[in-house]
Amino acid sequence: MNKIGDLDVFPLCLGGNVFGWTAGKERSFEILDAYAAAGGNFVDTSDSYMASAPGNSGGESETIIGEWLETRGNRDDIVIATKVGRHPERKGLAPANIRAAADDSLRRLRTDRIDLYFTHFDDPSVPVEEIMTTLDGLVAEGKVRQVAVSNIEVERLQASLEFAEREGTTQYTAVQPHYNLVSRDTYEGPRRDLAERYGLAAVPYYGLASGFLTGKYRPGANVDSVRAEKAARYLETERGRRVLAALDIVAEEQGTAVATVALAWLAAQPTVAAPIASARTMDQLPPLIEAARTTLTEDQLKRLTAASA
């Protein structure tokens, strides 16, 4: 287990962005069961998942996870992360909106507390002082255990951290950046420097670059996925092809899947506590779980880092 504040989390966070979208309730339950059976305890979702899917209104992923927690009776064993700010009816980070959205999420998740509450996207129209004070209130009320931040400009992140430190409010314990082998500058640099300075744990999203880093996207390959077009674009870049070639070699050396190696590299990076990865089918899950048990050699890490430069 790794640490996020005082939370003990499995080194691979299961993404709930597919629940209620490309994975229905029954399939989602199967995936959640298998993840938990393998020792997993860290599930990430959002109040806005998956509002964009036909027939959905937002919150479907939370609802499925809440029903699973209730039927399995395992709430105390699972660390639940969810987010605020993007639900169609709860957009933005105005104090009243954050409080209302938190109550909505608690109801859908069928729980009395959110373990890790992320601001999904920053709302520059709201002063960071108001956001941090509101989150502090939720923690004081026991509705939220810890607070975290995802998409935010570095300057606003720094201001938020400085305010919490200065005023003694609850502080962010985690950051959820876009970060993977073919997208490193989205986290490395000033953002990661801040995380290191304030002791924030990173829980990267797009850890597999929309599926590209699973290795299934090859020249001439036709992949049946809603993300296929986005993932395939990486093949058009020299870095994408270079990273894929390095992953193939290391995967063969390790005797494991390309996706496992890509996530193991990410997990080995400074500040990273648990990469997020999602599975819409049962056969996609084992390589993700295996990443939590895979340690790359220093040489393998250096080769992958060099290929992704």
C-alpha atoms as a PDB file:
ATOM      1  CA  MET A   1       0.000   0.000   0.000  1.00  0.00           C
ATOM      2  CA  ASN A   2       1.051   3.602  -0.622  1.00  0.00           C
ATOM      3  CA  LYS A   3       0.114   6.729   1.296  1.00  0.00           C
ATOM      4  CA  ILE A   4      -2.031   9.725   0.375  1.00  0.00           C
ATOM      5  CA  GLY A   5      -2.129  11.761   3.558  1.00  0.00           C
ATOM      6  CA  ASP A   6      -3.326   9.203   6.096  1.00  0.00           C
ATOM      7  CA  LEU A   7      -5.054   7.043   3.478  1.00  0.00           C
ATOM      8  CA  ASP A   8      -3.519   3.679   2.568  1.00  0.00           C
ATOM      9  CA  VAL A   9      -4.075   3.042  -1.137  1.00  0.00           C
ATOM     10  CA  PHE A  10      -3.331   0.209  -3.554  1.00  0.00           C
ATOM     11  CA  PRO A  11      -0.603   1.283  -6.023  1.00  0.00           C
ATOM     12  CA  LEU A  12      -3.065   1.072  -8.946  1.00  0.00           C
ATOM     13  CA  CYS A  13      -6.207   3.202  -8.790  1.00  0.00           C
ATOM     14  CA  LEU A  14      -9.209   1.805 -10.680  1.00  0.00           C
ATOM     15  CA  GLY A  15     -10.761   4.459 -12.896  1.00  0.00           C
ATOM     16  CA  GLY A  16     -14.540   4.674 -12.813  1.00  0.00           C
ATOM     17  CA  ASN A  17     -14.878   6.770 -15.962  1.00  0.00           C
ATOM     18  CA  VAL A  18     -16.137   3.763 -17.963  1.00  0.00           C
ATOM     19  CA  PHE A  19     -18.864   2.759 -15.490  1.00  0.00           C
ATOM     20  CA  GLY A  20     -22.252   3.669 -16.913  1.00  0.00           C
ATOM     21  CA  TRP A  21     -20.663   4.352 -20.294  1.00  0.00           C
ATOM     22  CA  THR A  22     -18.729   1.561 -22.038  1.00  0.00           C
ATOM     23  CA  ALA A  23     -19.268  -0.763 -19.063  1.00  0.00           C
ATOM     24  CA  GLY A  24     -22.831  -1.312 -17.845  1.00  0.00           C
ATOM     25  CA  LYS A  25     -23.795  -2.019 -14.254  1.00  0.00           C
ATOM     26  CA  GLU A  26     -23.302  -5.791 -14.375  1.00  0.00           C
ATOM     27  CA  ARG A  27     -19.904  -5.548 -16.076  1.00  0.00           C
ATOM     28  CA  SER A  28     -18.857  -2.739 -13.731  1.00  0.00           C
ATOM     29  CA  PHE A  29     -19.707  -4.911 -10.717  1.00  0.00           C
ATOM     30  CA  GLU A  30     -17.602  -7.760 -12.158  1.00  0.00           C
ATOM     31  CA  ILE A  31     -14.625  -5.446 -12.683  1.00  0.00           C
ATOM     32  CA  LEU A  32     -14.944  -3.928  -9.215  1.00  0.00           C
ATOM     33  CA  ASP A  33     -15.237  -7.395  -7.648  1.00  0.00           C
ATOM     34  CA  ALA A  34     -12.124  -8.644  -9.462  1.00  0.00           C
ATOM     35  CA  TYR A  35     -10.150  -5.523  -8.550  1.00  0.00           C
ATOM     36  CA  ALA A  36     -11.067  -5.833  -4.874  1.00  0.00           C
ATOM     37  CA  ALA A  37     -10.350  -9.587  -4.885  1.00  0.00           C
ATOM     38  CA  ALA A  38      -6.837  -8.813  -6.169  1.00  0.00           C
ATOM     39  CA  GLY A  39      -6.213  -6.509  -3.209  1.00  0.00           C
ATOM     40  CA  GLY A  40      -7.291  -3.252  -4.827  1.00  0.00           C
ATOM     41  CA  ASN A  41      -8.955  -0.653  -2.601  1.00  0.00           C
ATOM     42  CA  PHE A  42      -8.730   2.687  -4.480  1.00  0.00           C
ATOM     43  CA  VAL A  43     -11.509   3.739  -6.898  1.00  0.00           C
ATOM     44  CA  ASP A  44     -11.645   7.080  -8.719  1.00  0.00           C
ATOM     45  CA  THR A  45     -14.797   8.637 -10.130  1.00  0.00           C
ATOM     46  CA  SER A  46     -16.473  12.026 -10.637  1.00  0.00           C
ATOM     47  CA  ASP A  47     -19.922  13.538 -10.309  1.00  0.00           C
ATOM     48  CA  SER A  48     -19.787  14.258 -14.041  1.00  0.00           C
ATOM     49  CA  TYR A  49     -19.064  10.673 -15.207  1.00  0.00           C
ATOM     50  CA  MET A  50     -20.538   9.965 -17.723  1.00  0.00           C
ATOM     51  CA  ALA A  51     -22.826  12.886 -18.460  1.00  0.00           C
ATOM     52  CA  SER A  52     -21.750  13.009 -22.111  1.00  0.00           C
ATOM     53  CA  ALA A  53     -22.973   9.488 -22.915  1.00  0.00           C
ATOM     54  CA  PRO A  54     -26.343   9.215 -24.685  1.00  0.00           C
ATOM     55  CA  GLY A  55     -29.184   8.910 -22.187  1.00  0.00           C
ATOM     56  CA  ASN A  56     -27.035   9.916 -19.206  1.00  0.00           C
ATOM     57  CA  SER A  57     -27.312  13.029 -17.039  1.00  0.00           C
ATOM     58  CA  GLY A  58     -24.134  12.721 -14.941  1.00  0.00           C
ATOM     59  CA  GLY A  59     -23.360  10.778 -11.810  1.00  0.00           C
ATOM     60  CA  GLU A  60     -23.967   7.344 -13.356  1.00  0.00           C
ATOM     61  CA  SER A  61     -20.505   6.118 -12.355  1.00  0.00           C
ATOM     62  CA  GLU A  62     -20.998   7.234  -8.736  1.00  0.00           C
ATOM     63  CA  THR A  63     -24.392   5.545  -8.660  1.00  0.00           C
ATOM     64  CA  ILE A  64     -22.968   2.224  -9.851  1.00  0.00           C
ATOM     65  CA  ILE A  65     -20.092   2.390  -7.365  1.00  0.00           C
ATOM     66  CA  GLY A  66     -22.525   3.273  -4.570  1.00  0.00           C
ATOM     67  CA  GLU A  67     -24.753   0.306  -5.372  1.00  0.00           C
ATOM     68  CA  TRP A  68     -21.705  -1.976  -5.470  1.00  0.00           C
ATOM     69  CA  LEU A  69     -20.444  -0.712  -2.100  1.00  0.00           C
ATOM     70  CA  GLU A  70     -23.867  -1.229  -0.545  1.00  0.00           C
ATOM     71  CA  THR A  71     -24.471  -4.715  -1.936  1.00  0.00           C
ATOM     72  CA  ARG A  72     -20.950  -5.885  -1.056  1.00  0.00           C
ATOM     73  CA  GLY A  73     -20.943  -4.260   2.386  1.00  0.00           C
ATOM     74  CA  ASN A  74     -17.309  -3.229   1.943  1.00  0.00           C
ATOM     75  CA  ARG A  75     -17.432   0.562   2.294  1.00  0.00           C
ATOM     76  CA  ASP A  76     -14.810   0.645   5.053  1.00  0.00           C
ATOM     77  CA  ASP A  77     -12.389  -1.349   2.880  1.00  0.00           C
ATOM     78  CA  ILE A  78     -12.504   0.963  -0.157  1.00  0.00           C
ATOM     79  CA  VAL A  79     -10.975   4.407  -0.632  1.00  0.00           C
ATOM     80  CA  ILE A  80     -13.348   6.451  -2.788  1.00  0.00           C
ATOM     81  CA  ALA A  81     -12.145   9.489  -4.718  1.00  0.00           C
ATOM     82  CA  THR A  82     -14.632  11.677  -6.541  1.00  0.00           C
ATOM     83  CA  LYS A  83     -14.647  15.166  -8.023  1.00  0.00           C
ATOM     84  CA  VAL A  84     -16.641  18.380  -8.139  1.00  0.00           C
ATOM     85  CA  GLY A  85     -17.053  21.109 -10.735  1.00  0.00           C
ATOM     86  CA  ARG A  86     -18.150  19.498 -13.999  1.00  0.00           C
ATOM     87  CA  HIS A  87     -21.593  17.996 -13.416  1.00  0.00           C
ATOM     88  CA  PRO A  88     -24.014  19.651 -15.881  1.00  0.00           C
ATOM     89  CA  GLU A  89     -26.179  20.898 -12.996  1.00  0.00           C
ATOM     90  CA  ARG A  90     -23.308  21.626 -10.606  1.00  0.00           C
ATOM     91  CA  LYS A  91     -20.713  23.456 -12.692  1.00  0.00           C
ATOM     92  CA  GLY A  92     -18.004  25.535 -11.120  1.00  0.00           C
ATOM     93  CA  LEU A  93     -16.532  25.898  -7.651  1.00  0.00           C
ATOM     94  CA  ALA A  94     -18.732  28.506  -6.002  1.00  0.00           C
ATOM     95  CA  PRO A  95     -19.045  27.614  -2.291  1.00  0.00           C
ATOM     96  CA  ALA A  96     -22.771  26.799  -2.420  1.00  0.00           C
ATOM     97  CA  ASN A  97     -22.209  24.654  -5.499  1.00  0.00           C
ATOM     98  CA  ILE A  98     -19.369  22.669  -3.906  1.00  0.00           C
ATOM     99  CA  ARG A  99     -21.512  21.942  -0.854  1.00  0.00           C
ATOM    100  CA  ALA A 100     -24.541  20.910  -2.925  1.00  0.00           C
ATOM    101  CA  ALA A 101     -22.425  18.754  -5.245  1.00  0.00           C
ATOM    102  CA  ALA A 102     -20.817  17.000  -2.282  1.00  0.00           C
ATOM    103  CA  ASP A 103     -24.251  16.128  -0.896  1.00  0.00           C
ATOM    104  CA  ASP A 104     -25.294  14.832  -4.326  1.00  0.00           C
ATOM    105  CA  SER A 105     -22.183  12.659  -4.542  1.00  0.00           C
ATOM    106  CA  LEU A 106     -22.696  11.292  -1.026  1.00  0.00           C
ATOM    107  CA  ARG A 107     -26.252  10.323  -1.924  1.00  0.00           C
ATOM    108  CA  ARG A 108     -25.257   8.598  -5.177  1.00  0.00           C
ATOM    109  CA  LEU A 109     -22.322   6.832  -3.506  1.00  0.00           C
ATOM    110  CA  ARG A 110     -24.598   5.742  -0.637  1.00  0.00           C
ATOM    111  CA  THR A 111     -22.049   6.750   1.942  1.00  0.00           C
ATOM    112  CA  ASP A 112     -21.566   9.295   4.716  1.00  0.00           C
ATOM    113  CA  ARG A 113     -18.098  10.445   3.653  1.00  0.00           C
ATOM    114  CA  ILE A 114     -15.906  10.948   0.592  1.00  0.00           C
ATOM    115  CA  ASP A 115     -12.359   9.789   1.256  1.00  0.00           C
ATOM    116  CA  LEU A 116     -10.623  12.012  -1.302  1.00  0.00           C
ATOM    117  CA  TYR A 117     -12.496  14.963  -2.825  1.00  0.00           C
ATOM    118  CA  PHE A 118     -10.960  16.569  -5.923  1.00  0.00           C
ATOM    119  CA  THR A 119     -11.770  19.870  -7.538  1.00  0.00           C
ATOM    120  CA  HIS A 120     -12.097  18.518 -11.088  1.00  0.00           C
ATOM    121  CA  PHE A 121     -11.306  21.692 -13.017  1.00  0.00           C
ATOM    122  CA  ASP A 122     -10.393  25.007 -11.472  1.00  0.00           C
ATOM    123  CA  ASP A 123     -12.880  27.871 -11.524  1.00  0.00           C
ATOM    124  CA  PRO A 124     -10.859  31.105 -11.838  1.00  0.00           C
ATOM    125  CA  SER A 125     -13.995  33.154 -11.157  1.00  0.00           C
ATOM    126  CA  VAL A 126     -13.866  32.006  -7.521  1.00  0.00           C
ATOM    127  CA  PRO A 127     -11.015  33.183  -5.253  1.00  0.00           C
ATOM    128  CA  VAL A 128      -8.873  30.305  -3.992  1.00  0.00           C
ATOM    129  CA  GLU A 129      -9.614  31.513  -0.447  1.00  0.00           C
ATOM    130  CA  GLU A 130     -13.311  30.701  -0.913  1.00  0.00           C
ATOM    131  CA  ILE A 131     -12.620  27.299  -2.431  1.00  0.00           C
ATOM    132  CA  MET A 132     -10.192  26.238   0.303  1.00  0.00           C
ATOM    133  CA  THR A 133     -12.458  27.551   3.085  1.00  0.00           C
ATOM    134  CA  THR A 134     -15.439  25.656   1.668  1.00  0.00           C
ATOM    135  CA  LEU A 135     -13.454  22.424   1.380  1.00  0.00           C
ATOM    136  CA  ASP A 136     -12.230  22.973   4.938  1.00  0.00           C
ATOM    137  CA  GLY A 137     -15.847  23.156   6.055  1.00  0.00           C
ATOM    138  CA  LEU A 138     -16.675  19.833   4.422  1.00  0.00           C
ATOM    139  CA  VAL A 139     -13.762  18.216   6.230  1.00  0.00           C
ATOM    140  CA  ALA A 140     -14.828  19.762   9.544  1.00  0.00           C
ATOM    141  CA  GLU A 141     -18.348  18.370   9.022  1.00  0.00           C
ATOM    142  CA  GLY A 142     -16.962  14.894   8.367  1.00  0.00           C
ATOM    143  CA  LYS A 143     -18.386  14.723   4.849  1.00  0.00           C
ATOM    144  CA  VAL A 144     -14.890  14.656   3.318  1.00  0.00           C
ATOM    145  CA  ARG A 145     -11.736  13.084   4.767  1.00  0.00           C
ATOM    146  CA  GLN A 146      -9.132  14.703   2.521  1.00  0.00           C
ATOM    147  CA  VAL A 147      -9.158  17.228  -0.327  1.00  0.00           C
ATOM    148  CA  ALA A 148      -7.240  17.210  -3.583  1.00  0.00           C
ATOM    149  CA  VAL A 149      -6.932  19.049  -6.873  1.00  0.00           C
ATOM    150  CA  SER A 150      -6.847  18.064 -10.538  1.00  0.00           C
ATOM    151  CA  ASN A 151      -6.774  20.498 -13.452  1.00  0.00           C
ATOM    152  CA  ILE A 152      -5.459  23.874 -12.308  1.00  0.00           C
ATOM    153  CA  GLU A 153      -2.898  26.440 -13.377  1.00  0.00           C
ATOM    154  CA  VAL A 154       0.349  26.349 -11.406  1.00  0.00           C
ATOM    155  CA  GLU A 155      -0.108  29.872 -10.062  1.00  0.00           C
ATOM    156  CA  ARG A 156      -3.570  29.095  -8.684  1.00  0.00           C
ATOM    157  CA  LEU A 157      -2.318  25.828  -7.208  1.00  0.00           C
ATOM    158  CA  GLN A 158       0.506  27.618  -5.438  1.00  0.00           C
ATOM    159  CA  ALA A 159      -1.875  30.293  -4.140  1.00  0.00           C
ATOM    160  CA  SER A 160      -4.212  27.588  -2.816  1.00  0.00           C
ATOM    161  CA  LEU A 161      -1.405  25.767  -1.029  1.00  0.00           C
ATOM    162  CA  GLU A 162      -0.012  28.987   0.444  1.00  0.00           C
ATOM    163  CA  PHE A 163      -3.437  30.067   1.690  1.00  0.00           C
ATOM    164  CA  ALA A 164      -4.094  26.753   3.416  1.00  0.00           C
ATOM    165  CA  GLU A 165      -0.667  26.836   5.019  1.00  0.00           C
ATOM    166  CA  ARG A 166      -1.040  30.440   6.134  1.00  0.00           C
ATOM    167  CA  GLU A 167      -4.614  30.211   7.430  1.00  0.00           C
ATOM    168  CA  GLY A 168      -4.473  26.693   8.839  1.00  0.00           C
ATOM    169  CA  THR A 169      -7.294  25.305   6.705  1.00  0.00           C
ATOM    170  CA  THR A 170      -7.309  21.746   5.399  1.00  0.00           C
ATOM    171  CA  GLN A 171      -4.594  21.282   2.794  1.00  0.00           C
ATOM    172  CA  TYR A 172      -4.553  19.411  -0.475  1.00  0.00           C
ATOM    173  CA  THR A 173      -2.963  15.989  -0.042  1.00  0.00           C
ATOM    174  CA  ALA A 174      -3.027  14.914  -3.685  1.00  0.00           C
ATOM    175  CA  VAL A 175      -2.908  16.176  -7.226  1.00  0.00           C
ATOM    176  CA  GLN A 176      -4.394  14.400 -10.249  1.00  0.00           C
ATOM    177  CA  PRO A 177      -2.362  15.418 -13.313  1.00  0.00           C
ATOM    178  CA  HIS A 178      -2.440  14.331 -16.932  1.00  0.00           C
ATOM    179  CA  TYR A 179       0.781  12.321 -17.006  1.00  0.00           C
ATOM    180  CA  ASN A 180       2.186   9.358 -18.917  1.00  0.00           C
ATOM    181  CA  LEU A 181       5.145   8.266 -21.046  1.00  0.00           C
ATOM    182  CA  VAL A 182       4.035  10.330 -24.026  1.00  0.00           C
ATOM    183  CA  SER A 183       2.822  13.327 -22.003  1.00  0.00           C
ATOM    184  CA  ARG A 184       5.440  14.271 -19.434  1.00  0.00           C
ATOM    185  CA  ASP A 185       5.484  18.064 -19.562  1.00  0.00           C
ATOM    186  CA  THR A 186       1.853  18.099 -18.389  1.00  0.00           C
ATOM    187  CA  TYR A 187       3.214  17.295 -14.911  1.00  0.00           C
ATOM    188  CA  GLU A 188       7.007  17.354 -14.771  1.00  0.00           C
ATOM    189  CA  GLY A 189       8.427  20.793 -14.045  1.00  0.00           C
ATOM    190  CA  PRO A 190       6.815  23.516 -11.884  1.00  0.00           C
ATOM    191  CA  ARG A 191       3.693  21.449 -11.144  1.00  0.00           C
ATOM    192  CA  ARG A 192       5.636  18.470  -9.839  1.00  0.00           C
ATOM    193  CA  ASP A 193       8.043  20.774  -8.025  1.00  0.00           C
ATOM    194  CA  LEU A 194       5.083  22.202  -6.094  1.00  0.00           C
ATOM    195  CA  ALA A 195       3.800  18.716  -5.323  1.00  0.00           C
ATOM    196  CA  GLU A 196       7.187  17.733  -3.951  1.00  0.00           C
ATOM    197  CA  ARG A 197       7.515  20.916  -1.907  1.00  0.00           C
ATOM    198  CA  TYR A 198       4.101  20.498  -0.260  1.00  0.00           C
ATOM    199  CA  GLY A 199       4.121  16.703  -0.002  1.00  0.00           C
ATOM    200  CA  LEU A 200       1.287  16.106  -2.471  1.00  0.00           C
ATOM    201  CA  ALA A 201       0.823  12.580  -3.776  1.00  0.00           C
ATOM    202  CA  ALA A 202       0.200  12.315  -7.537  1.00  0.00           C
ATOM    203  CA  VAL A 203      -2.625  10.169  -8.900  1.00  0.00           C
ATOM    204  CA  PRO A 204      -2.110  10.561 -12.666  1.00  0.00           C
ATOM    205  CA  TYR A 205      -4.947  10.221 -15.163  1.00  0.00           C
ATOM    206  CA  TYR A 206      -4.537   9.154 -18.823  1.00  0.00           C
ATOM    207  CA  GLY A 207      -1.808   6.842 -17.489  1.00  0.00           C
ATOM    208  CA  LEU A 208      -2.143   4.731 -20.641  1.00  0.00           C
ATOM    209  CA  ALA A 209      -2.636   7.680 -23.020  1.00  0.00           C
ATOM    210  CA  SER A 210      -6.222   6.729 -23.940  1.00  0.00           C
ATOM    211  CA  GLY A 211      -5.068   3.153 -24.566  1.00  0.00           C
ATOM    212  CA  PHE A 212      -2.064   3.902 -26.770  1.00  0.00           C
ATOM    213  CA  LEU A 213       0.357   2.615 -24.124  1.00  0.00           C
ATOM    214  CA  THR A 214      -1.369  -0.783 -24.035  1.00  0.00           C
ATOM    215  CA  GLY A 215       0.467  -1.555 -27.267  1.00  0.00           C
ATOM    216  CA  LYS A 216      -2.672  -2.488 -29.187  1.00  0.00           C
ATOM    217  CA  TYR A 217      -2.360   0.480 -31.534  1.00  0.00           C
ATOM    218  CA  ARG A 218      -0.004  -0.473 -34.351  1.00  0.00           C
ATOM    219  CA  PRO A 219       0.356   0.605 -37.985  1.00  0.00           C
ATOM    220  CA  GLY A 220      -2.548  -0.903 -39.897  1.00  0.00           C
ATOM    221  CA  ALA A 221      -4.334  -2.132 -36.764  1.00  0.00           C
ATOM    222  CA  ASN A 222      -8.069  -1.514 -36.391  1.00  0.00           C
ATOM    223  CA  VAL A 223      -9.019  -1.147 -32.720  1.00  0.00           C
ATOM    224  CA  ASP A 224     -12.644  -1.257 -31.552  1.00  0.00           C
ATOM    225  CA  SER A 225     -12.661   1.521 -28.951  1.00  0.00           C
ATOM    226  CA  VAL A 226     -14.390   4.859 -28.461  1.00  0.00           C
ATOM    227  CA  ARG A 227     -10.908   6.308 -27.859  1.00  0.00           C
ATOM    228  CA  ALA A 228      -9.256   4.733 -30.896  1.00  0.00           C
ATOM    229  CA  GLU A 229      -8.895   7.912 -32.943  1.00  0.00           C
ATOM    230  CA  LYS A 230      -7.330   9.836 -30.053  1.00  0.00           C
ATOM    231  CA  ALA A 231      -4.928   7.037 -29.114  1.00  0.00           C
ATOM    232  CA  ALA A 232      -3.880   6.309 -32.686  1.00  0.00           C
ATOM    233  CA  ARG A 233      -2.601   9.877 -33.116  1.00  0.00           C
ATOM    234  CA  TYR A 234       0.427   9.010 -30.974  1.00  0.00           C
ATOM    235  CA  LEU A 235       1.525   6.603 -33.711  1.00  0.00           C
ATOM    236  CA  GLU A 236       2.001   9.601 -35.978  1.00  0.00           C
ATOM    237  CA  THR A 237       4.708  11.041 -33.717  1.00  0.00           C
ATOM    238  CA  GLU A 238       8.329   9.975 -33.566  1.00  0.00           C
ATOM    239  CA  ARG A 239       8.195   9.930 -29.778  1.00  0.00           C
ATOM    240  CA  GLY A 240       5.128   7.697 -29.794  1.00  0.00           C
ATOM    241  CA  ARG A 241       6.814   5.130 -32.020  1.00  0.00           C
ATOM    242  CA  ARG A 242      10.039   5.351 -29.993  1.00  0.00           C
ATOM    243  CA  VAL A 243       8.198   4.781 -26.706  1.00  0.00           C
ATOM    244  CA  LEU A 244       6.259   1.849 -28.147  1.00  0.00           C
ATOM    245  CA  ALA A 245       9.476   0.190 -29.322  1.00  0.00           C
ATOM    246  CA  ALA A 246      11.080   0.622 -25.880  1.00  0.00           C
ATOM    247  CA  LEU A 247       7.963  -0.711 -24.157  1.00  0.00           C
ATOM    248  CA  ASP A 248       8.006  -3.808 -26.363  1.00  0.00           C
ATOM    249  CA  ILE A 249      11.580  -4.592 -25.362  1.00  0.00           C
ATOM    250  CA  VAL A 250      11.041  -4.064 -21.629  1.00  0.00           C
ATOM    251  CA  ALA A 251       7.761  -5.997 -21.677  1.00  0.00           C
ATOM    252  CA  GLU A 252       9.573  -8.949 -23.240  1.00  0.00           C
ATOM    253  CA  GLU A 253      12.341  -8.712 -20.644  1.00  0.00           C
ATOM    254  CA  GLN A 254       9.795  -8.627 -17.828  1.00  0.00           C
ATOM    255  CA  GLY A 255       7.572 -11.279 -19.375  1.00  0.00           C
ATOM    256  CA  THR A 256       4.570  -9.043 -18.950  1.00  0.00           C
ATOM    257  CA  ALA A 257       2.171  -6.831 -20.914  1.00  0.00           C
ATOM    258  CA  VAL A 258       3.072  -3.495 -22.491  1.00  0.00           C
ATOM    259  CA  ALA A 259       0.346  -1.764 -20.416  1.00  0.00           C
ATOM    260  CA  THR A 260       1.852  -3.196 -17.235  1.00  0.00           C
ATOM    261  CA  VAL A 261       5.263  -1.756 -18.079  1.00  0.00           C
ATOM    262  CA  ALA A 262       3.862   1.672 -18.977  1.00  0.00           C
ATOM    263  CA  LEU A 263       2.025   1.912 -15.649  1.00  0.00           C
ATOM    264  CA  ALA A 264       5.012   0.529 -13.708  1.00  0.00           C
ATOM    265  CA  TRP A 265       7.191   3.293 -15.187  1.00  0.00           C
ATOM    266  CA  LEU A 266       4.605   5.872 -14.123  1.00  0.00           C
ATOM    267  CA  ALA A 267       4.302   4.400 -10.628  1.00  0.00           C
ATOM    268  CA  ALA A 268       8.090   4.676 -10.201  1.00  0.00           C
ATOM    269  CA  GLN A 269       8.179   8.429 -10.866  1.00  0.00           C
ATOM    270  CA  PRO A 270       8.686  10.944  -8.031  1.00  0.00           C
ATOM    271  CA  THR A 271       5.505  11.829  -6.045  1.00  0.00           C
ATOM    272  CA  VAL A 272       3.334   9.207  -7.826  1.00  0.00           C
ATOM    273  CA  ALA A 273       1.254   7.169  -5.367  1.00  0.00           C
ATOM    274  CA  ALA A 274      -1.047   5.365  -7.780  1.00  0.00           C
ATOM    275  CA  PRO A 275      -1.676   5.797 -11.512  1.00  0.00           C
ATOM    276  CA  ILE A 276      -5.319   5.625 -12.581  1.00  0.00           C
ATOM    277  CA  ALA A 277      -6.320   3.090 -15.226  1.00  0.00           C
ATOM    278  CA  SER A 278      -9.741   1.829 -16.231  1.00  0.00           C
ATOM    279  CA  ALA A 279     -10.980  -1.464 -17.648  1.00  0.00           C
ATOM    280  CA  ARG A 280     -14.176  -1.806 -19.645  1.00  0.00           C
ATOM    281  CA  THR A 281     -13.798  -5.586 -20.037  1.00  0.00           C
ATOM    282  CA  MET A 282     -12.585  -8.257 -17.631  1.00  0.00           C
ATOM    283  CA  ASP A 283      -9.597  -9.192 -19.798  1.00  0.00           C
ATOM    284  CA  GLN A 284      -8.281  -5.610 -19.624  1.00  0.00           C
ATOM    285  CA  LEU A 285      -7.974  -5.734 -15.835  1.00  0.00           C
ATOM    286  CA  PRO A 286      -5.133  -8.245 -15.113  1.00  0.00           C
ATOM    287  CA  PRO A 287      -2.358  -6.186 -16.817  1.00  0.00           C
ATOM    288  CA  LEU A 288      -3.429  -3.182 -14.737  1.00  0.00           C
ATOM    289  CA  ILE A 289      -3.355  -5.130 -11.472  1.00  0.00           C
ATOM    290  CA  GLU A 290       0.023  -6.594 -12.423  1.00  0.00           C
ATOM    291  CA  ALA A 291       1.502  -3.095 -12.659  1.00  0.00           C
ATOM    292  CA  ALA A 292       1.096  -2.737  -8.894  1.00  0.00           C
ATOM    293  CA  ARG A 293       3.305  -5.791  -8.449  1.00  0.00           C
ATOM    294  CA  THR A 294       5.895  -5.005 -11.106  1.00  0.00           C
ATOM    295  CA  THR A 295       9.233  -3.374 -10.341  1.00  0.00           C
ATOM    296  CA  LEU A 296      11.300  -2.230 -13.290  1.00  0.00           C
ATOM    297  CA  THR A 297      15.086  -2.230 -13.093  1.00  0.00           C
ATOM    298  CA  GLU A 298      16.975   1.070 -13.037  1.00  0.00           C
ATOM    299  CA  ASP A 299      18.209   0.344 -16.535  1.00  0.00           C
ATOM    300  CA  GLN A 300      14.687  -0.305 -17.815  1.00  0.00           C
ATOM    301  CA  LEU A 301      13.399   2.883 -16.212  1.00  0.00           C
ATOM    302  CA  LYS A 302      16.239   4.894 -17.772  1.00  0.00           C
ATOM    303  CA  ARG A 303      15.618   3.415 -21.231  1.00  0.00           C
ATOM    304  CA  LEU A 304      11.920   4.251 -21.093  1.00  0.00           C
ATOM    305  CA  THR A 305      12.621   7.743 -19.785  1.00  0.00           C
ATOM    306  CA  ALA A 306      15.127   8.324 -22.587  1.00  0.00           C
ATOM    307  CA  ALA A 307      12.715   7.030 -25.240  1.00  0.00           C
ATOM    308  CA  SER A 308      10.005   9.380 -23.998  1.00  0.00           C
ATOM    309  CA  ALA A 309      12.209  12.480 -23.895  1.00  0.00           C
END
